[in-house]
Amino acid sequence: MSAGLMNRKDWQQASLQPLGIIPGGSGNGLSASLLSRAGERFEAINAAYSLAKGQVQELDLFSATNNDGKVMYGFLSLEWAFIADMDIKSERYRFFGDMRFLIASTLQIFGFGRTDFPGRLKYFVSKDDEPEPAKYHDTFSAAEMKDKPTCICLEKEQKGEEADKWQEMDGPFYMFWSMNVSHAAADAYIAPPAEISDGYFHMMLVSGESYSRMGLAKLMMGIEDGSHLDVDRVQLIRTRAFTVRASSANDLMCVDGELFPGPEVKVEAHRAMGRVLCLPTTT
């Protein structure tokens, strides 16, 4: 969805076109996130009602750039480590619907698939009391917008500016799931604090030495209601931009569930760049 809009020559205008989201097939993370924030159950009829009675709401988009200069745009997530392997392998079970994720994760954990992924994470530290990120279309006029979105944080980091605002973390990593919205799927409430237009990612990760398969099992069993955040060593880190580098060039990475070549990917959120039709939040 976002990739198609952002690859248009008129992406500056196309990204402002409000989109209506109706769930179909498996996954449906954006639809689940929009319905959840409005206090609605995840059902197609509720999504249709949301379109009929909803309002235009701002939506964060993000850009992911690898070390070959390839760029992919997304609205949902970037996956690496255990979750990326599981997501891609689940494609072979697509005919089971949403059950494909349960089947693939069970086989990945107890079928003795790989669980540890050496690498490094570097992220822009976001403090609770910092000013809100500026909205993208308020920051750049149409005349200033380039052929692709400007990555403010990453460009400053490349120039050596604001070095004190970046923090590094070494692996191995067992889980790395960076969310732009709250849900990765209807039954995957990965980042409860996430908003659809706050300008932040929420990185759910597990790193360090020797994390058990049972720990991964407990984590995966808790994602439906968000209780995975209570599992030992699970972290949820808020950030505006990050760089993740896998030690192996063969490691899988996914943007919005689609394969994206690594081994290094730089990602930045663009606050309120997109638009969706949905019901307002209940809070």
C-alpha atoms as a PDB file:
ATOM      1  CA  MET A   1       0.000   0.000   0.000  1.00  0.00           C
ATOM      2  CA  SER A   2       2.479   2.663   1.142  1.00  0.00           C
ATOM      3  CA  ALA A   3       5.161   1.410  -1.261  1.00  0.00           C
ATOM      4  CA  GLY A   4       2.833   1.972  -4.207  1.00  0.00           C
ATOM      5  CA  LEU A   5       1.976   5.515  -3.125  1.00  0.00           C
ATOM      6  CA  MET A   6       5.530   6.497  -2.282  1.00  0.00           C
ATOM      7  CA  ASN A   7       6.980   5.233  -5.554  1.00  0.00           C
ATOM      8  CA  ARG A   8       4.745   7.562  -7.566  1.00  0.00           C
ATOM      9  CA  LYS A   9       6.254  10.716  -9.038  1.00  0.00           C
ATOM     10  CA  ASP A  10       3.593  12.712  -7.188  1.00  0.00           C
ATOM     11  CA  TRP A  11       4.186  10.938  -3.862  1.00  0.00           C
ATOM     12  CA  GLN A  12       3.944  14.240  -1.986  1.00  0.00           C
ATOM     13  CA  GLN A  13       0.274  14.544  -2.959  1.00  0.00           C
ATOM     14  CA  ALA A  14      -0.496  10.822  -3.186  1.00  0.00           C
ATOM     15  CA  SER A  15       0.564  10.239   0.427  1.00  0.00           C
ATOM     16  CA  LEU A  16      -2.182  12.644   1.532  1.00  0.00           C
ATOM     17  CA  GLN A  17      -4.937  10.585  -0.086  1.00  0.00           C
ATOM     18  CA  PRO A  18      -7.029   9.032   2.731  1.00  0.00           C
ATOM     19  CA  LEU A  19      -7.127   5.244   2.470  1.00  0.00           C
ATOM     20  CA  GLY A  20      -9.864   2.950   3.728  1.00  0.00           C
ATOM     21  CA  ILE A  21      -8.728  -0.343   5.250  1.00  0.00           C
ATOM     22  CA  ILE A  22     -10.873  -3.500   5.081  1.00  0.00           C
ATOM     23  CA  PRO A  23      -9.251  -6.712   6.428  1.00  0.00           C
ATOM     24  CA  GLY A  24      -8.828  -9.761   4.233  1.00  0.00           C
ATOM     25  CA  GLY A  25      -6.666 -12.874   4.341  1.00  0.00           C
ATOM     26  CA  SER A  26      -4.210 -13.119   7.237  1.00  0.00           C
ATOM     27  CA  GLY A  27      -2.244 -10.521   9.161  1.00  0.00           C
ATOM     28  CA  ASN A  28      -4.231  -7.264   8.875  1.00  0.00           C
ATOM     29  CA  GLY A  29      -2.116  -5.422  11.423  1.00  0.00           C
ATOM     30  CA  LEU A  30      -3.115  -1.925  10.349  1.00  0.00           C
ATOM     31  CA  SER A  31      -6.826  -2.729  10.355  1.00  0.00           C
ATOM     32  CA  ALA A  32      -6.503  -4.317  13.806  1.00  0.00           C
ATOM     33  CA  SER A  33      -4.636  -1.259  15.101  1.00  0.00           C
ATOM     34  CA  LEU A  34      -7.255   1.170  13.777  1.00  0.00           C
ATOM     35  CA  LEU A  35     -10.172  -0.809  15.201  1.00  0.00           C
ATOM     36  CA  SER A  36      -8.463  -1.381  18.556  1.00  0.00           C
ATOM     37  CA  ARG A  37      -7.807   2.329  19.150  1.00  0.00           C
ATOM     38  CA  ALA A  38     -11.506   2.998  18.499  1.00  0.00           C
ATOM     39  CA  GLY A  39     -12.607   0.274  20.922  1.00  0.00           C
ATOM     40  CA  GLU A  40     -14.043  -1.894  18.136  1.00  0.00           C
ATOM     41  CA  ARG A  41     -13.672  -5.661  17.735  1.00  0.00           C
ATOM     42  CA  PHE A  42     -11.684  -6.934  14.789  1.00  0.00           C
ATOM     43  CA  GLU A  43     -14.389  -7.811  12.276  1.00  0.00           C
ATOM     44  CA  ALA A  44     -14.875  -6.852   8.632  1.00  0.00           C
ATOM     45  CA  ILE A  45     -18.295  -5.354   9.384  1.00  0.00           C
ATOM     46  CA  ASN A  46     -16.744  -3.061  11.996  1.00  0.00           C
ATOM     47  CA  ALA A  47     -14.055  -2.018   9.529  1.00  0.00           C
ATOM     48  CA  ALA A  48     -16.767  -1.156   6.995  1.00  0.00           C
ATOM     49  CA  TYR A  49     -18.632   0.847   9.652  1.00  0.00           C
ATOM     50  CA  SER A  50     -15.371   2.633  10.423  1.00  0.00           C
ATOM     51  CA  LEU A  51     -15.121   3.734   6.804  1.00  0.00           C
ATOM     52  CA  ALA A  52     -18.752   4.872   6.660  1.00  0.00           C
ATOM     53  CA  LYS A  53     -18.670   6.829   9.920  1.00  0.00           C
ATOM     54  CA  GLY A  54     -14.970   7.551  10.252  1.00  0.00           C
ATOM     55  CA  GLN A  55     -12.879  10.655   9.798  1.00  0.00           C
ATOM     56  CA  VAL A  56      -9.599  11.374   8.064  1.00  0.00           C
ATOM     57  CA  GLN A  57      -6.797  10.584  10.509  1.00  0.00           C
ATOM     58  CA  GLU A  58      -3.049  11.091  10.158  1.00  0.00           C
ATOM     59  CA  LEU A  59      -0.833   8.014   9.823  1.00  0.00           C
ATOM     60  CA  ASP A  60       2.922   7.694  10.227  1.00  0.00           C
ATOM     61  CA  LEU A  61       4.826   6.122   7.353  1.00  0.00           C
ATOM     62  CA  PHE A  62       8.470   5.069   7.395  1.00  0.00           C
ATOM     63  CA  SER A  63      11.345   4.536   5.010  1.00  0.00           C
ATOM     64  CA  ALA A  64      13.803   1.635   5.173  1.00  0.00           C
ATOM     65  CA  THR A  65      17.113   1.936   3.296  1.00  0.00           C
ATOM     66  CA  ASN A  66      19.693  -0.834   2.942  1.00  0.00           C
ATOM     67  CA  ASN A  67      23.432  -0.517   2.330  1.00  0.00           C
ATOM     68  CA  ASP A  68      22.888  -0.844  -1.432  1.00  0.00           C
ATOM     69  CA  GLY A  69      20.692   2.250  -1.410  1.00  0.00           C
ATOM     70  CA  LYS A  70      17.445   0.376  -2.001  1.00  0.00           C
ATOM     71  CA  VAL A  71      14.487   2.067  -0.302  1.00  0.00           C
ATOM     72  CA  MET A  72      11.196   0.522   0.786  1.00  0.00           C
ATOM     73  CA  TYR A  73       8.322   2.357   2.451  1.00  0.00           C
ATOM     74  CA  GLY A  74       6.036   0.909   5.079  1.00  0.00           C
ATOM     75  CA  PHE A  75       3.312   1.592   7.626  1.00  0.00           C
ATOM     76  CA  LEU A  76       3.480  -1.519   9.822  1.00  0.00           C
ATOM     77  CA  SER A  77       6.822  -2.966  10.923  1.00  0.00           C
ATOM     78  CA  LEU A  78      10.375  -4.086  10.336  1.00  0.00           C
ATOM     79  CA  GLU A  79      11.172  -7.652  11.409  1.00  0.00           C
ATOM     80  CA  TRP A  80      14.470  -9.417  11.941  1.00  0.00           C
ATOM     81  CA  ALA A  81      15.748 -12.474  13.822  1.00  0.00           C
ATOM     82  CA  PHE A  82      13.259 -15.115  15.011  1.00  0.00           C
ATOM     83  CA  ILE A  83      10.153 -13.244  13.916  1.00  0.00           C
ATOM     84  CA  ALA A  84      11.326 -12.595  10.350  1.00  0.00           C
ATOM     85  CA  ASP A  85      12.227 -16.256   9.864  1.00  0.00           C
ATOM     86  CA  MET A  86       8.862 -17.300  11.259  1.00  0.00           C
ATOM     87  CA  ASP A  87       6.928 -14.808   9.125  1.00  0.00           C
ATOM     88  CA  ILE A  88       8.517 -15.909   5.854  1.00  0.00           C
ATOM     89  CA  LYS A  89       8.269 -19.619   6.648  1.00  0.00           C
ATOM     90  CA  SER A  90       4.585 -19.178   7.511  1.00  0.00           C
ATOM     91  CA  GLU A  91       3.847 -18.438   3.845  1.00  0.00           C
ATOM     92  CA  ARG A  92       3.832 -22.161   3.123  1.00  0.00           C
ATOM     93  CA  TYR A  93       0.886 -22.512   5.547  1.00  0.00           C
ATOM     94  CA  ARG A  94      -1.129 -19.578   4.159  1.00  0.00           C
ATOM     95  CA  PHE A  95      -4.152 -21.799   3.475  1.00  0.00           C
ATOM     96  CA  PHE A  96      -4.607 -22.071   7.277  1.00  0.00           C
ATOM     97  CA  GLY A  97      -5.331 -18.321   7.494  1.00  0.00           C
ATOM     98  CA  ASP A  98      -4.146 -16.608  10.685  1.00  0.00           C
ATOM     99  CA  MET A  99      -3.302 -20.030  12.122  1.00  0.00           C
ATOM    100  CA  ARG A 100      -0.253 -20.056   9.853  1.00  0.00           C
ATOM    101  CA  PHE A 101       1.634 -17.849  12.311  1.00  0.00           C
ATOM    102  CA  LEU A 102       0.966 -20.201  15.237  1.00  0.00           C
ATOM    103  CA  ILE A 103       2.040 -23.212  13.184  1.00  0.00           C
ATOM    104  CA  ALA A 104       5.211 -21.542  11.924  1.00  0.00           C
ATOM    105  CA  SER A 105       6.240 -20.180  15.340  1.00  0.00           C
ATOM    106  CA  THR A 106       5.679 -23.550  17.025  1.00  0.00           C
ATOM    107  CA  LEU A 107       7.816 -25.295  14.429  1.00  0.00           C
ATOM    108  CA  GLN A 108      10.476 -22.585  14.668  1.00  0.00           C
ATOM    109  CA  ILE A 109      10.702 -22.919  18.452  1.00  0.00           C
ATOM    110  CA  PHE A 110      10.228 -26.626  19.045  1.00  0.00           C
ATOM    111  CA  GLY A 111      11.379 -27.871  15.647  1.00  0.00           C
ATOM    112  CA  PHE A 112      14.805 -26.595  16.632  1.00  0.00           C
ATOM    113  CA  GLY A 113      15.009 -23.808  14.098  1.00  0.00           C
ATOM    114  CA  ARG A 114      17.550 -21.060  14.599  1.00  0.00           C
ATOM    115  CA  THR A 115      16.807 -18.715  17.501  1.00  0.00           C
ATOM    116  CA  ASP A 116      19.920 -16.531  17.998  1.00  0.00           C
ATOM    117  CA  PHE A 117      20.983 -13.857  15.515  1.00  0.00           C
ATOM    118  CA  PRO A 118      24.255 -11.935  16.068  1.00  0.00           C
ATOM    119  CA  GLY A 119      24.153  -8.294  15.049  1.00  0.00           C
ATOM    120  CA  ARG A 120      24.083  -4.703  16.229  1.00  0.00           C
ATOM    121  CA  LEU A 121      21.349  -2.131  16.821  1.00  0.00           C
ATOM    122  CA  LYS A 122      21.897   1.619  16.878  1.00  0.00           C
ATOM    123  CA  TYR A 123      18.921   3.789  17.716  1.00  0.00           C
ATOM    124  CA  PHE A 124      17.973   7.404  18.346  1.00  0.00           C
ATOM    125  CA  VAL A 125      17.192   7.786  22.039  1.00  0.00           C
ATOM    126  CA  SER A 126      13.704   9.210  22.604  1.00  0.00           C
ATOM    127  CA  LYS A 127      12.995  10.560  26.075  1.00  0.00           C
ATOM    128  CA  ASP A 128       9.515  10.742  27.572  1.00  0.00           C
ATOM    129  CA  ASP A 129       9.714  14.498  28.145  1.00  0.00           C
ATOM    130  CA  GLU A 130      11.043  15.483  24.726  1.00  0.00           C
ATOM    131  CA  PRO A 131       8.984  17.684  22.357  1.00  0.00           C
ATOM    132  CA  GLU A 132       6.789  15.852  19.882  1.00  0.00           C
ATOM    133  CA  PRO A 133       8.408  15.193  16.482  1.00  0.00           C
ATOM    134  CA  ALA A 134       7.312  17.652  13.817  1.00  0.00           C
ATOM    135  CA  LYS A 135       4.751  16.451  11.297  1.00  0.00           C
ATOM    136  CA  TYR A 136       6.389  15.760   7.958  1.00  0.00           C
ATOM    137  CA  HIS A 137       4.141  17.930   5.793  1.00  0.00           C
ATOM    138  CA  ASP A 138       4.499  20.813   8.286  1.00  0.00           C
ATOM    139  CA  THR A 139       8.288  20.568   8.112  1.00  0.00           C
ATOM    140  CA  PHE A 140       8.778  20.584   4.367  1.00  0.00           C
ATOM    141  CA  SER A 141       6.872  22.605   1.796  1.00  0.00           C
ATOM    142  CA  ALA A 142       5.944  21.010  -1.516  1.00  0.00           C
ATOM    143  CA  ALA A 143       8.811  22.912  -3.155  1.00  0.00           C
ATOM    144  CA  GLU A 144      11.303  21.580  -0.604  1.00  0.00           C
ATOM    145  CA  MET A 145      10.260  17.947  -0.893  1.00  0.00           C
ATOM    146  CA  LYS A 146      12.729  15.842  -2.848  1.00  0.00           C
ATOM    147  CA  ASP A 147      12.245  12.772  -4.991  1.00  0.00           C
ATOM    148  CA  LYS A 148      12.041  10.800  -1.753  1.00  0.00           C
ATOM    149  CA  PRO A 149      11.320  11.669   1.906  1.00  0.00           C
ATOM    150  CA  THR A 150      14.049  13.306   3.970  1.00  0.00           C
ATOM    151  CA  CYS A 151      15.328  11.253   6.919  1.00  0.00           C
ATOM    152  CA  ILE A 152      16.103  14.017   9.403  1.00  0.00           C
ATOM    153  CA  CYS A 153      17.567  11.916  12.236  1.00  0.00           C
ATOM    154  CA  LEU A 154      19.576   9.605   9.988  1.00  0.00           C
ATOM    155  CA  GLU A 155      21.038  12.455   7.946  1.00  0.00           C
ATOM    156  CA  LYS A 156      22.221  14.198  11.117  1.00  0.00           C
ATOM    157  CA  GLU A 157      23.726  10.935  12.368  1.00  0.00           C
ATOM    158  CA  GLN A 158      25.585  10.470   9.082  1.00  0.00           C
ATOM    159  CA  LYS A 159      27.064  13.964   9.445  1.00  0.00           C
ATOM    160  CA  GLY A 160      28.203  13.171  12.985  1.00  0.00           C
ATOM    161  CA  GLU A 161      25.658  15.519  14.550  1.00  0.00           C
ATOM    162  CA  GLU A 162      23.777  14.718  17.770  1.00  0.00           C
ATOM    163  CA  ALA A 163      26.054  11.731  18.421  1.00  0.00           C
ATOM    164  CA  ASP A 164      25.090  11.810  22.106  1.00  0.00           C
ATOM    165  CA  LYS A 165      21.466  11.015  21.180  1.00  0.00           C
ATOM    166  CA  TRP A 166      22.313   7.622  19.687  1.00  0.00           C
ATOM    167  CA  GLN A 167      22.751   4.403  21.633  1.00  0.00           C
ATOM    168  CA  GLU A 168      24.182   1.068  20.485  1.00  0.00           C
ATOM    169  CA  MET A 169      23.243  -2.451  21.510  1.00  0.00           C
ATOM    170  CA  ASP A 170      25.097  -5.630  20.569  1.00  0.00           C
ATOM    171  CA  GLY A 171      23.478  -9.011  20.077  1.00  0.00           C
ATOM    172  CA  PRO A 172      22.893 -11.784  19.762  1.00  0.00           C
ATOM    173  CA  PHE A 173      19.238 -10.931  19.245  1.00  0.00           C
ATOM    174  CA  TYR A 174      16.465 -13.484  19.600  1.00  0.00           C
ATOM    175  CA  MET A 175      13.563 -11.206  18.795  1.00  0.00           C
ATOM    176  CA  PHE A 176      13.509  -7.917  16.904  1.00  0.00           C
ATOM    177  CA  TRP A 177      10.113  -6.537  15.949  1.00  0.00           C
ATOM    178  CA  SER A 178       9.938  -2.792  15.360  1.00  0.00           C
ATOM    179  CA  MET A 179       6.349  -1.575  15.203  1.00  0.00           C
ATOM    180  CA  ASN A 180       4.937   1.599  13.674  1.00  0.00           C
ATOM    181  CA  VAL A 181       1.433   0.767  14.998  1.00  0.00           C
ATOM    182  CA  SER A 182       0.170  -1.315  17.915  1.00  0.00           C
ATOM    183  CA  HIS A 183      -0.777  -4.564  16.160  1.00  0.00           C
ATOM    184  CA  ALA A 184       1.215  -6.714  13.746  1.00  0.00           C
ATOM    185  CA  ALA A 185      -1.881  -8.875  13.197  1.00  0.00           C
ATOM    186  CA  ALA A 186      -5.355  -9.224  14.656  1.00  0.00           C
ATOM    187  CA  ASP A 187      -3.937 -11.501  17.376  1.00  0.00           C
ATOM    188  CA  ALA A 188      -0.540  -9.803  17.758  1.00  0.00           C
ATOM    189  CA  TYR A 189      -0.708  -6.821  20.138  1.00  0.00           C
ATOM    190  CA  ILE A 190       3.013  -6.139  19.976  1.00  0.00           C
ATOM    191  CA  ALA A 191       3.291  -2.482  21.029  1.00  0.00           C
ATOM    192  CA  PRO A 192       0.393  -1.372  23.272  1.00  0.00           C
ATOM    193  CA  PRO A 193       1.695   2.223  23.695  1.00  0.00           C
ATOM    194  CA  ALA A 194       2.044   2.814  19.944  1.00  0.00           C
ATOM    195  CA  GLU A 195      -0.114   5.470  18.277  1.00  0.00           C
ATOM    196  CA  ILE A 196      -0.789   5.736  14.570  1.00  0.00           C
ATOM    197  CA  SER A 197       0.608   9.260  14.229  1.00  0.00           C
ATOM    198  CA  ASP A 198       3.046   9.955  17.068  1.00  0.00           C
ATOM    199  CA  GLY A 199       6.233   9.820  14.969  1.00  0.00           C
ATOM    200  CA  TYR A 200       7.752   6.880  16.861  1.00  0.00           C
ATOM    201  CA  PHE A 201       8.583   3.233  16.460  1.00  0.00           C
ATOM    202  CA  HIS A 202       8.319   0.809  19.356  1.00  0.00           C
ATOM    203  CA  MET A 203      11.025  -1.854  19.126  1.00  0.00           C
ATOM    204  CA  MET A 204      10.116  -5.086  20.892  1.00  0.00           C
ATOM    205  CA  LEU A 205      13.287  -7.096  21.330  1.00  0.00           C
ATOM    206  CA  VAL A 206      15.170  -9.713  23.285  1.00  0.00           C
ATOM    207  CA  SER A 207      18.973  -9.616  23.286  1.00  0.00           C
ATOM    208  CA  GLY A 208      21.947 -10.923  25.259  1.00  0.00           C
ATOM    209  CA  GLU A 209      23.366 -14.347  25.852  1.00  0.00           C
ATOM    210  CA  SER A 210      21.462 -17.613  26.040  1.00  0.00           C
ATOM    211  CA  TYR A 211      17.716 -17.053  25.772  1.00  0.00           C
ATOM    212  CA  SER A 212      15.776 -20.290  26.050  1.00  0.00           C
ATOM    213  CA  ARG A 213      13.257 -21.685  23.602  1.00  0.00           C
ATOM    214  CA  MET A 214      10.790 -21.802  26.473  1.00  0.00           C
ATOM    215  CA  GLY A 215      11.277 -18.059  26.919  1.00  0.00           C
ATOM    216  CA  LEU A 216      10.446 -17.539  23.257  1.00  0.00           C
ATOM    217  CA  ALA A 217       7.390 -19.764  23.657  1.00  0.00           C
ATOM    218  CA  LYS A 218       6.141 -17.675  26.612  1.00  0.00           C
ATOM    219  CA  LEU A 219       6.748 -14.514  24.613  1.00  0.00           C
ATOM    220  CA  MET A 220       4.787 -15.757  21.605  1.00  0.00           C
ATOM    221  CA  MET A 221       1.923 -16.966  23.795  1.00  0.00           C
ATOM    222  CA  GLY A 222       1.582 -13.491  25.289  1.00  0.00           C
ATOM    223  CA  ILE A 223       1.457 -11.377  22.145  1.00  0.00           C
ATOM    224  CA  GLU A 224      -2.315 -11.704  21.693  1.00  0.00           C
ATOM    225  CA  ASP A 225      -3.083  -9.572  24.760  1.00  0.00           C
ATOM    226  CA  GLY A 226       0.220  -7.724  25.202  1.00  0.00           C
ATOM    227  CA  SER A 227       1.334  -9.781  28.214  1.00  0.00           C
ATOM    228  CA  HIS A 228       4.548 -10.716  26.371  1.00  0.00           C
ATOM    229  CA  LEU A 229       5.975  -7.480  27.750  1.00  0.00           C
ATOM    230  CA  ASP A 230       5.940  -9.089  31.209  1.00  0.00           C
ATOM    231  CA  VAL A 231       8.150 -11.966  30.043  1.00  0.00           C
ATOM    232  CA  ASP A 232      11.731 -11.904  31.337  1.00  0.00           C
ATOM    233  CA  ARG A 233      14.183  -9.805  29.264  1.00  0.00           C
ATOM    234  CA  VAL A 234      11.608  -8.547  26.777  1.00  0.00           C
ATOM    235  CA  GLN A 235      12.185  -4.840  26.080  1.00  0.00           C
ATOM    236  CA  LEU A 236      10.007  -2.249  24.364  1.00  0.00           C
ATOM    237  CA  ILE A 237      12.082   0.743  23.249  1.00  0.00           C
ATOM    238  CA  ARG A 238      10.638   3.890  21.708  1.00  0.00           C
ATOM    239  CA  THR A 239      12.639   5.601  18.965  1.00  0.00           C
ATOM    240  CA  ARG A 240      12.300   7.812  15.905  1.00  0.00           C
ATOM    241  CA  ALA A 241      15.037   6.146  13.869  1.00  0.00           C
ATOM    242  CA  PHE A 242      17.378   3.176  14.041  1.00  0.00           C
ATOM    243  CA  THR A 243      19.945   1.117  12.164  1.00  0.00           C
ATOM    244  CA  VAL A 244      19.992  -2.644  12.504  1.00  0.00           C
ATOM    245  CA  ARG A 245      22.866  -4.697  11.109  1.00  0.00           C
ATOM    246  CA  ALA A 246      22.845  -8.482  11.000  1.00  0.00           C
ATOM    247  CA  SER A 247      26.224 -10.210  11.224  1.00  0.00           C
ATOM    248  CA  SER A 248      25.145 -12.649   8.526  1.00  0.00           C
ATOM    249  CA  ALA A 249      24.173 -11.461   5.052  1.00  0.00           C
ATOM    250  CA  ASN A 250      21.834 -14.465   4.886  1.00  0.00           C
ATOM    251  CA  ASP A 251      19.602 -13.239   7.720  1.00  0.00           C
ATOM    252  CA  LEU A 252      16.050 -12.433   6.663  1.00  0.00           C
ATOM    253  CA  MET A 253      14.566  -8.986   7.172  1.00  0.00           C
ATOM    254  CA  CYS A 254      10.992  -7.975   6.399  1.00  0.00           C
ATOM    255  CA  VAL A 255       9.282  -4.632   5.843  1.00  0.00           C
ATOM    256  CA  ASP A 256       5.521  -4.960   6.344  1.00  0.00           C
ATOM    257  CA  GLY A 257       5.887  -8.728   5.970  1.00  0.00           C
ATOM    258  CA  GLU A 258       7.789  -8.510   2.661  1.00  0.00           C
ATOM    259  CA  LEU A 259      11.409  -9.587   2.283  1.00  0.00           C
ATOM    260  CA  PHE A 260      13.882  -6.711   2.237  1.00  0.00           C
ATOM    261  CA  PRO A 261      17.603  -7.327   1.619  1.00  0.00           C
ATOM    262  CA  GLY A 262      20.075  -6.562   4.419  1.00  0.00           C
ATOM    263  CA  PRO A 263      22.336  -7.089   6.152  1.00  0.00           C
ATOM    264  CA  GLU A 264      22.110  -3.436   7.242  1.00  0.00           C
ATOM    265  CA  VAL A 265      18.899  -1.428   7.192  1.00  0.00           C
ATOM    266  CA  LYS A 266      18.395   2.189   8.269  1.00  0.00           C
ATOM    267  CA  VAL A 267      14.837   3.114   9.233  1.00  0.00           C
ATOM    268  CA  GLU A 268      13.136   6.390  10.138  1.00  0.00           C
ATOM    269  CA  ALA A 269       9.535   7.300  10.902  1.00  0.00           C
ATOM    270  CA  HIS A 270       7.886  10.178   9.014  1.00  0.00           C
ATOM    271  CA  ARG A 271       5.248  11.571  11.306  1.00  0.00           C
ATOM    272  CA  ALA A 272       1.750  12.056   9.875  1.00  0.00           C
ATOM    273  CA  MET A 273       2.922  11.584   6.293  1.00  0.00           C
ATOM    274  CA  GLY A 274      -0.052   9.371   5.353  1.00  0.00           C
ATOM    275  CA  ARG A 275      -3.807   9.491   5.837  1.00  0.00           C
ATOM    276  CA  VAL A 276      -6.426   6.855   6.676  1.00  0.00           C
ATOM    277  CA  LEU A 277     -10.188   6.831   7.160  1.00  0.00           C
ATOM    278  CA  CYS A 278     -11.115   5.472  10.585  1.00  0.00           C
ATOM    279  CA  LEU A 279     -13.040   6.130  13.763  1.00  0.00           C
ATOM    280  CA  PRO A 280     -11.415   8.481  16.288  1.00  0.00           C
ATOM    281  CA  THR A 281      -9.716   7.061  19.347  1.00  0.00           C
ATOM    282  CA  THR A 282     -11.798   6.272  22.419  1.00  0.00           C
ATOM    283  CA  THR A 283      -9.279   7.920  24.774  1.00  0.00           C
END
